[in-house]
Protein backbone atom coordinates (compact mmCIF):
# COMPACT_ATOMS: atom_id res chain seq x y z
CA ALA A 1 0.00 0.00 0.00
CA PHE A 2 2.77 2.41 -0.96
CA GLN A 3 0.42 4.83 -2.70
CA LEU A 4 -1.83 5.14 0.35
CA ARG A 5 1.05 5.55 2.83
CA LEU A 6 3.28 7.79 0.67
CA ALA A 7 0.59 9.70 -1.32
CA HIS A 8 2.70 9.99 -4.49
CA GLY A 9 1.04 12.48 -6.82
CA GLU A 10 -2.06 12.92 -4.69
CA ALA A 11 -3.54 16.39 -4.36
CA ARG A 12 -3.94 17.67 -0.80
CA ASN A 13 -7.71 17.59 -1.02
CA VAL A 14 -7.69 13.95 -2.23
CA ARG A 15 -5.09 12.23 -0.08
CA GLN A 16 -6.05 10.69 3.23
CA GLU A 17 -3.84 12.55 5.69
CA ASP A 18 -4.65 10.11 8.49
CA GLN A 19 -3.26 7.26 6.39
CA LEU A 20 0.12 8.83 5.54
CA ALA A 21 2.93 7.06 7.38
CA PRO A 22 6.67 6.55 6.89
CA ILE A 23 6.40 2.86 7.80
CA PHE A 24 8.71 1.64 5.02
CA LEU A 25 11.27 4.32 5.91
CA GLN A 26 11.13 3.15 9.53
CA PHE A 27 11.71 -0.41 8.34
CA LEU A 28 14.74 0.74 6.31
CA ASP A 29 16.07 2.52 9.40
CA CYS A 30 15.84 -0.79 11.28
CA VAL A 31 17.66 -2.54 8.42
CA TRP A 32 20.35 0.17 8.49
CA GLN A 33 20.79 -0.34 12.25
CA LEU A 34 21.39 -4.07 11.70
CA VAL A 35 23.69 -3.53 8.71
CA THR A 36 25.88 -1.09 10.64
CA GLN A 37 25.92 -3.14 13.87
CA TYR A 38 26.52 -6.50 12.17
CA PRO A 39 28.21 -5.69 8.84
CA HIS A 40 29.63 -9.20 8.33
CA TYR A 41 26.11 -10.62 7.92
CA PHE A 42 24.93 -8.45 5.02
CA GLU A 43 26.06 -8.58 1.41
CA PHE A 44 24.62 -5.11 0.85
CA GLY A 45 25.96 -2.12 2.70
CA PRO A 46 24.56 1.07 4.21
CA ARG A 47 24.77 2.84 0.82
CA TYR A 48 22.34 0.27 -0.62
CA VAL A 49 19.82 0.95 2.14
CA LEU A 50 20.30 4.70 1.62
CA ALA A 51 19.67 4.34 -2.13
CA VAL A 52 16.38 2.52 -1.46
CA ALA A 53 15.36 5.20 1.07
CA ASP A 54 16.22 7.99 -1.38
CA HIS A 55 13.96 6.52 -4.04
CA ILE A 56 10.91 5.86 -1.89
CA TYR A 57 9.84 9.46 -2.55
CA SER A 58 11.72 10.21 -5.79
CA CYS A 59 9.11 8.70 -8.16
CA ARG A 60 12.04 8.07 -10.53
CA PHE A 61 11.23 4.37 -10.53
CA GLY A 62 7.88 2.61 -10.77
CA THR A 63 8.80 0.32 -7.88
CA PHE A 64 6.99 2.24 -5.11
CA LEU A 65 4.09 3.64 -7.11
CA CYS A 66 0.48 2.43 -6.67
CA ASP A 67 -1.10 0.13 -4.12
CA ASN A 68 -1.69 -3.05 -6.12
CA GLU A 69 -1.06 -4.85 -9.43
CA ARG A 70 -4.30 -3.60 -11.05
CA GLU A 71 -3.35 0.05 -10.43
CA ARG A 72 0.16 -0.62 -11.75
CA ASP A 73 -1.32 -2.09 -14.95
CA VAL A 74 -3.72 0.83 -15.43
CA LEU A 75 -1.00 3.45 -14.89
CA LYS A 76 1.59 1.38 -16.80
CA THR A 77 4.18 1.75 -14.07
CA ARG A 78 5.97 -1.35 -15.41
CA GLU A 79 7.13 0.87 -18.28
CA ARG A 80 9.09 2.92 -15.76
CA PRO A 81 12.54 1.73 -14.68
CA SER A 82 12.80 -0.68 -11.75
CA LEU A 83 14.73 0.39 -8.65
CA TRP A 84 15.85 -3.21 -8.14
CA LEU A 85 17.39 -3.38 -11.64
CA TYR A 86 19.11 -0.04 -11.02
CA LEU A 87 20.57 -1.32 -7.75
CA GLU A 88 21.68 -4.56 -9.40
CA HIS A 89 23.37 -2.55 -12.17
CA ASN A 90 25.28 -0.58 -9.49
CA ARG A 91 26.01 -3.64 -7.39
CA THR A 92 29.78 -3.15 -7.18
CA GLU A 93 29.41 0.30 -5.59
CA LEU A 94 26.75 -0.92 -3.16
CA THR A 95 28.27 -4.22 -2.03
CA ASN A 96 29.52 -4.44 1.54
CA PRO A 97 33.30 -5.13 1.62
CA LEU A 98 33.01 -6.57 5.15
CA TYR A 99 30.46 -9.24 4.21
CA MET A 100 31.52 -12.76 5.21
CA ASN A 101 29.78 -15.20 2.88
CA PRO A 102 28.74 -18.25 4.94
CA GLU A 103 29.22 -20.45 1.85
CA HIS A 104 32.98 -19.76 1.94
CA GLY A 105 33.74 -21.72 5.07
CA ASP A 106 33.04 -21.69 8.74
CA THR A 107 32.54 -18.02 9.58
CA GLU A 108 30.65 -16.17 12.27
CA THR A 109 27.92 -15.62 9.68
CA SER A 110 27.29 -19.36 9.29
CA ALA A 111 24.80 -19.15 12.15
CA VAL A 112 21.54 -17.24 12.13
CA LEU A 113 21.87 -13.66 13.36
CA LEU A 114 20.07 -13.50 16.71
CA PRO A 115 21.52 -10.46 18.47
CA PRO A 116 20.68 -9.94 22.14
CA LEU A 117 18.02 -7.26 22.39
CA SER A 118 19.91 -5.36 25.07
CA SER A 119 23.01 -4.85 22.92
CA LEU A 120 20.95 -4.09 19.85
CA LEU A 121 19.04 -1.31 21.62
CA ARG A 122 22.15 0.12 23.29
CA ASN A 123 23.80 0.57 19.89
CA VAL A 124 20.94 2.27 18.04
CA ARG A 125 22.21 5.48 16.41
CA LEU A 126 20.73 8.25 14.35
CA TRP A 127 20.91 7.40 10.64
CA THR A 128 22.83 10.56 9.84
CA ASP A 129 23.39 9.64 6.18
CA TYR A 130 19.63 9.97 5.71
CA PHE A 131 18.28 12.21 8.47
CA ALA A 132 21.15 14.69 8.86
CA ARG A 133 22.62 14.88 5.38
CA TRP A 134 21.35 18.41 4.80
CA ALA A 135 22.56 19.71 8.17
CA ALA A 136 24.45 23.00 8.02
CA VAL A 137 27.38 21.47 9.89
CA PRO A 138 28.12 17.91 8.79
CA SER A 139 28.74 15.37 11.46
CA PHE A 140 31.03 12.55 10.44
CA PRO A 141 30.59 9.44 12.56
CA LYS A 142 33.64 7.50 13.61
CA CYS A 143 34.69 4.88 11.05
CA PRO A 144 33.65 1.34 11.95
CA THR A 145 36.62 -0.32 13.64
CA ALA A 146 36.30 -3.45 11.50
CA LEU A 147 36.48 -1.40 8.30
CA SER A 148 39.42 0.64 9.54
CA VAL A 149 41.37 -2.48 10.50
CA HIS A 150 40.49 -4.17 7.21
CA LEU A 151 41.75 -1.25 5.18
CA ARG A 152 44.79 -0.78 7.41
CA ASP A 153 45.82 -4.40 7.03
CA GLY A 154 45.44 -4.09 3.27
CA GLY A 155 47.87 -1.20 3.17
CA GLN A 156 45.20 1.45 2.77
CA GLN A 157 44.01 3.28 5.84
CA LEU A 158 41.07 5.58 6.42
CA PRO A 159 41.57 8.78 8.41
CA CYS A 160 39.69 7.67 11.54
CA PRO A 161 40.09 9.34 14.91
CA GLY A 162 41.77 7.17 17.51
CA LEU A 163 43.17 4.61 15.07
CA ALA A 164 46.94 4.34 15.30
CA PRO A 165 48.89 3.99 12.07
CA PRO A 166 50.33 0.55 11.35
CA ALA A 167 53.77 -0.11 12.83
CA GLY A 168 56.50 1.22 10.58
CA GLY A 169 54.03 2.90 8.23
CA GLY A 170 52.66 6.39 8.07
CA GLY A 171 55.83 7.91 9.60
CA GLY A 172 56.35 11.61 10.08
CA GLY A 173 53.90 11.88 12.96
CA GLY A 174 51.27 13.32 10.63
CA ALA A 175 47.55 12.81 10.84
CA VAL A 176 46.27 9.26 10.75
CA GLY A 177 45.80 8.26 7.14
CA ALA A 178 48.00 11.08 5.86
CA ALA A 179 50.55 10.32 3.18
CA PRO A 180 54.07 9.65 4.49
CA MET A 181 56.33 12.67 4.53
CA GLU A 182 58.97 12.67 1.83
CA THR A 183 62.59 13.12 2.81
CA ALA A 184 65.17 14.81 0.65
């Protein structure tokens, strides 16, 4: 019931204000919370979830238009591009580099993800990529430790506060992630 809840293209005097609700956006926020707290379990990353959230209201794709198949046929929304095909086309940019495929051996992701409710709720954060992206002063959250370590071990390091440069690398006492200083 995307049309009823989102009111795409409805005039103010026609739409049912008491039925408007960001339920799907709230669901995506929950997905984002899980993806950021347990990145090894998800093949898609936070950018994928953000792309879906961006296009709920964009009307660029026919994916979230209308309430049922009959309405989609009448309005010919199938002639519009599909969000899912767009995301599949951009898969390489949206894939999570920290994903641990359970088919590739015995990993922590081989088991079903059943996080303890207490830790899940303690780690809920504001989805700043979505809700604060237009803020006058950007707030950059700390890089996930797992990602920082992964990139550091691969020889590429992100500039994350509190992350020491690898032993013997970085030199010069510069900022974390800064290029090594050249000597004459």
